[in-house]
Amino acid sequence: MNIIHRLRERIFGFPKKLPEESTRAERGVFGENLAADYCKRELGYTIIVRNWRYKRDEVDLICRDGEVLVFVEVRARAEDALVSGYHSIGKHKKEVLQRAYKNYLKQLQKTPKHFRFDIIDVAISNSGTGEVRHYANIPLFSKHYSA
C-alpha cells in the first residue's frame, strides 16, 4: 500500500478503494463506511450509532437530521448486480427493520417527535470504488404510527 493510501486511511478512517480480493463481509463494511461518511459530509447528519443490535435485529446507521431521527439501511452491491440495493429490500426485510426500529425507540428515555427511514445504496465498481445513492423518507411506518 503506498503512502497516499495510508494517509487517506488515517484521515478518513477507511480505504476509499476496495481491494479486488475482498470478501462479502469486507464489501459490506466498505459500503457502510462510505454511507456513514456520506451521511456526515454530504447530508450533514449526526451519526448516533452504527450497527445497533437488539437480539437478532440490527440497524446499520441511526442518525439525526436536525430534530428528525433517521434510521438508515445500507445496501452494498456490485454495480452490475441484477437487483439494486434499493430494490433488494422486500416485505420481509421491511418487517424486520420495522421491528428493530420500534425496539430502538422503546429503549429511549425521550422518543423523538419525528423519525424516518432512509436507504443508502452503494454500487461497488469492478475497480473497487463505490457510488453512493441516497433515498430519503421511504415508507415503512404507517403515517399514523407514533412511538
Protein backbone atom coordinates (compact mmCIF):
# COMPACT_ATOMS: atom_id res chain seq x y z
CA MET A 1 0.00 0.00 0.00
CA ASN A 2 1.50 3.32 -0.98
CA ILE A 3 1.82 6.38 1.22
CA ILE A 4 -1.18 8.15 -0.31
CA HIS A 5 -3.48 5.25 0.56
CA ARG A 6 -2.11 5.14 4.11
CA LEU A 7 -2.65 8.88 4.56
CA ARG A 8 -6.19 8.62 3.19
CA GLU A 9 -6.95 5.82 5.65
CA ARG A 10 -5.56 7.90 8.52
CA ILE A 11 -7.57 10.98 7.56
CA PHE A 12 -10.84 9.29 6.62
CA GLY A 13 -10.51 6.18 8.77
CA PHE A 14 -11.12 3.71 5.94
CA PRO A 15 -9.85 2.97 2.45
CA LYS A 16 -11.62 4.74 -0.42
CA LYS A 17 -10.98 1.80 -2.71
CA LEU A 18 -11.79 -1.83 -2.12
CA PRO A 19 -9.17 -4.47 -2.99
CA GLU A 20 -10.14 -6.95 -5.72
CA GLU A 21 -9.80 -9.97 -3.46
CA SER A 22 -12.23 -8.63 -0.83
CA THR A 23 -14.82 -10.84 0.85
CA ARG A 24 -18.55 -10.21 1.02
CA ALA A 25 -18.18 -9.02 4.63
CA GLU A 26 -15.41 -6.59 3.64
CA ARG A 27 -17.61 -5.21 0.85
CA GLY A 28 -20.39 -4.71 3.39
CA VAL A 29 -18.11 -2.85 5.81
CA PHE A 30 -16.73 -0.78 2.92
CA GLY A 31 -20.29 0.16 1.89
CA GLU A 32 -21.25 1.08 5.45
CA ASN A 33 -18.13 3.23 5.82
CA LEU A 34 -18.91 5.08 2.58
CA ALA A 35 -22.53 5.53 3.67
CA ALA A 36 -21.56 6.87 7.11
CA ASP A 37 -19.08 9.27 5.54
CA TYR A 38 -21.73 10.41 3.03
CA CYS A 39 -24.25 10.98 5.83
CA LYS A 40 -21.81 13.17 7.75
CA ARG A 41 -20.16 15.08 4.92
CA GLU A 42 -22.84 15.40 2.25
CA LEU A 43 -26.11 15.24 4.17
CA GLY A 44 -24.97 16.91 7.39
CA TYR A 45 -26.39 14.14 9.59
CA THR A 46 -25.04 13.46 13.06
CA ILE A 47 -24.37 9.76 13.49
CA ILE A 48 -25.69 8.50 16.81
CA VAL A 49 -24.76 4.83 16.48
CA ARG A 50 -23.56 2.33 13.90
CA ASN A 51 -24.64 -1.31 13.82
CA TRP A 52 -27.07 -1.08 16.74
CA ARG A 53 -28.25 -4.55 17.75
CA TYR A 54 -31.22 -5.90 19.64
CA LYS A 55 -31.44 -9.69 19.83
CA ARG A 56 -31.27 -10.80 16.18
CA ASP A 57 -32.07 -7.41 14.65
CA GLU A 58 -29.56 -4.81 13.52
CA VAL A 59 -29.79 -1.21 12.37
CA ASP A 60 -26.90 -0.12 10.13
CA LEU A 61 -26.95 3.59 10.99
CA ILE A 62 -29.02 5.72 13.33
CA CYS A 63 -28.59 9.43 12.67
CA ARG A 64 -30.04 12.84 13.41
CA ASP A 65 -31.10 15.18 10.65
CA GLY A 66 -31.86 18.26 12.72
CA GLU A 67 -34.69 17.19 15.03
CA VAL A 68 -35.54 14.10 12.96
CA LEU A 69 -34.24 10.67 13.94
CA VAL A 70 -33.18 8.80 10.79
CA PHE A 71 -32.84 5.02 10.54
CA VAL A 72 -30.59 4.13 7.62
CA GLU A 73 -30.35 0.74 5.90
CA VAL A 74 -27.17 0.40 3.86
CA ARG A 75 -27.06 -1.95 0.89
CA ALA A 76 -23.69 -2.53 -0.81
CA ARG A 77 -23.96 -4.29 -4.17
CA ALA A 78 -21.87 -4.76 -7.29
CA GLU A 79 -22.66 -2.02 -9.79
CA ASP A 80 -23.72 -4.66 -12.32
CA ALA A 81 -25.98 -6.55 -9.88
CA LEU A 82 -29.33 -7.60 -11.33
CA VAL A 83 -31.22 -6.03 -8.42
CA SER A 84 -30.20 -2.69 -6.95
CA GLY A 85 -29.72 -2.30 -3.21
CA TYR A 86 -32.86 -0.19 -3.04
CA HIS A 87 -34.98 -2.87 -4.69
CA SER A 88 -33.40 -5.68 -2.65
CA ILE A 89 -35.37 -4.65 0.44
CA GLY A 90 -38.53 -6.72 0.26
CA LYS A 91 -41.57 -7.07 2.50
CA HIS A 92 -39.87 -9.44 4.97
CA LYS A 93 -36.79 -7.21 5.37
CA LYS A 94 -39.04 -4.19 5.94
CA GLU A 95 -40.86 -6.08 8.71
CA VAL A 96 -37.53 -6.98 10.35
CA LEU A 97 -36.34 -3.37 10.09
CA GLN A 98 -39.61 -2.05 11.49
CA ARG A 99 -39.32 -4.40 14.49
CA ALA A 100 -35.73 -3.24 15.13
CA TYR A 101 -36.66 0.43 14.86
CA LYS A 102 -39.58 0.02 17.26
CA ASN A 103 -37.27 -1.68 19.76
CA TYR A 104 -34.77 1.16 19.46
CA LEU A 105 -37.50 3.74 20.03
CA LYS A 106 -38.79 1.84 23.09
CA GLN A 107 -35.41 2.00 24.83
CA LEU A 108 -35.13 5.78 24.51
CA GLN A 109 -35.96 7.88 27.55
CA LYS A 110 -37.46 10.58 25.36
CA THR A 111 -38.79 9.46 22.00
CA PRO A 112 -38.36 11.90 19.12
CA LYS A 113 -41.40 13.58 17.65
CA HIS A 114 -40.31 12.74 14.10
CA PHE A 115 -38.40 9.80 12.66
CA ARG A 116 -37.98 8.31 9.22
CA PHE A 117 -36.38 5.53 7.22
CA ASP A 118 -33.70 6.13 4.55
CA ILE A 119 -31.90 3.71 2.26
CA ILE A 120 -28.34 4.20 1.08
CA ASP A 121 -27.41 2.05 -1.89
CA VAL A 122 -23.67 1.72 -2.52
CA ALA A 123 -22.82 0.45 -6.01
CA ILE A 124 -19.31 -1.03 -5.94
CA SER A 125 -17.50 -0.97 -9.27
CA ASN A 126 -15.09 -3.62 -10.55
CA SER A 127 -12.26 -1.15 -9.89
CA GLY A 128 -13.18 -1.10 -6.17
CA THR A 129 -14.74 2.34 -5.88
CA GLY A 130 -18.23 2.95 -4.56
CA GLU A 131 -21.01 5.22 -5.79
CA VAL A 132 -23.48 6.26 -3.09
CA ARG A 133 -27.18 6.73 -3.87
CA HIS A 134 -29.44 8.09 -1.15
CA TYR A 135 -33.19 7.50 -0.92
CA ALA A 136 -34.81 9.56 1.82
CA ASN A 137 -38.07 9.07 3.70
CA ILE A 138 -39.00 5.61 2.43
CA PRO A 139 -42.46 4.49 3.65
CA LEU A 140 -42.00 1.91 6.40
CA PHE A 141 -44.37 3.01 9.15
CA SER A 142 -48.00 3.93 8.67
CA LYS A 143 -48.43 7.69 8.66
CA HIS A 144 -50.38 7.45 11.92
CA TYR A 145 -47.73 5.46 13.81
CA SER A 146 -46.20 7.14 16.85
CA ALA A 147 -43.60 5.79 19.22
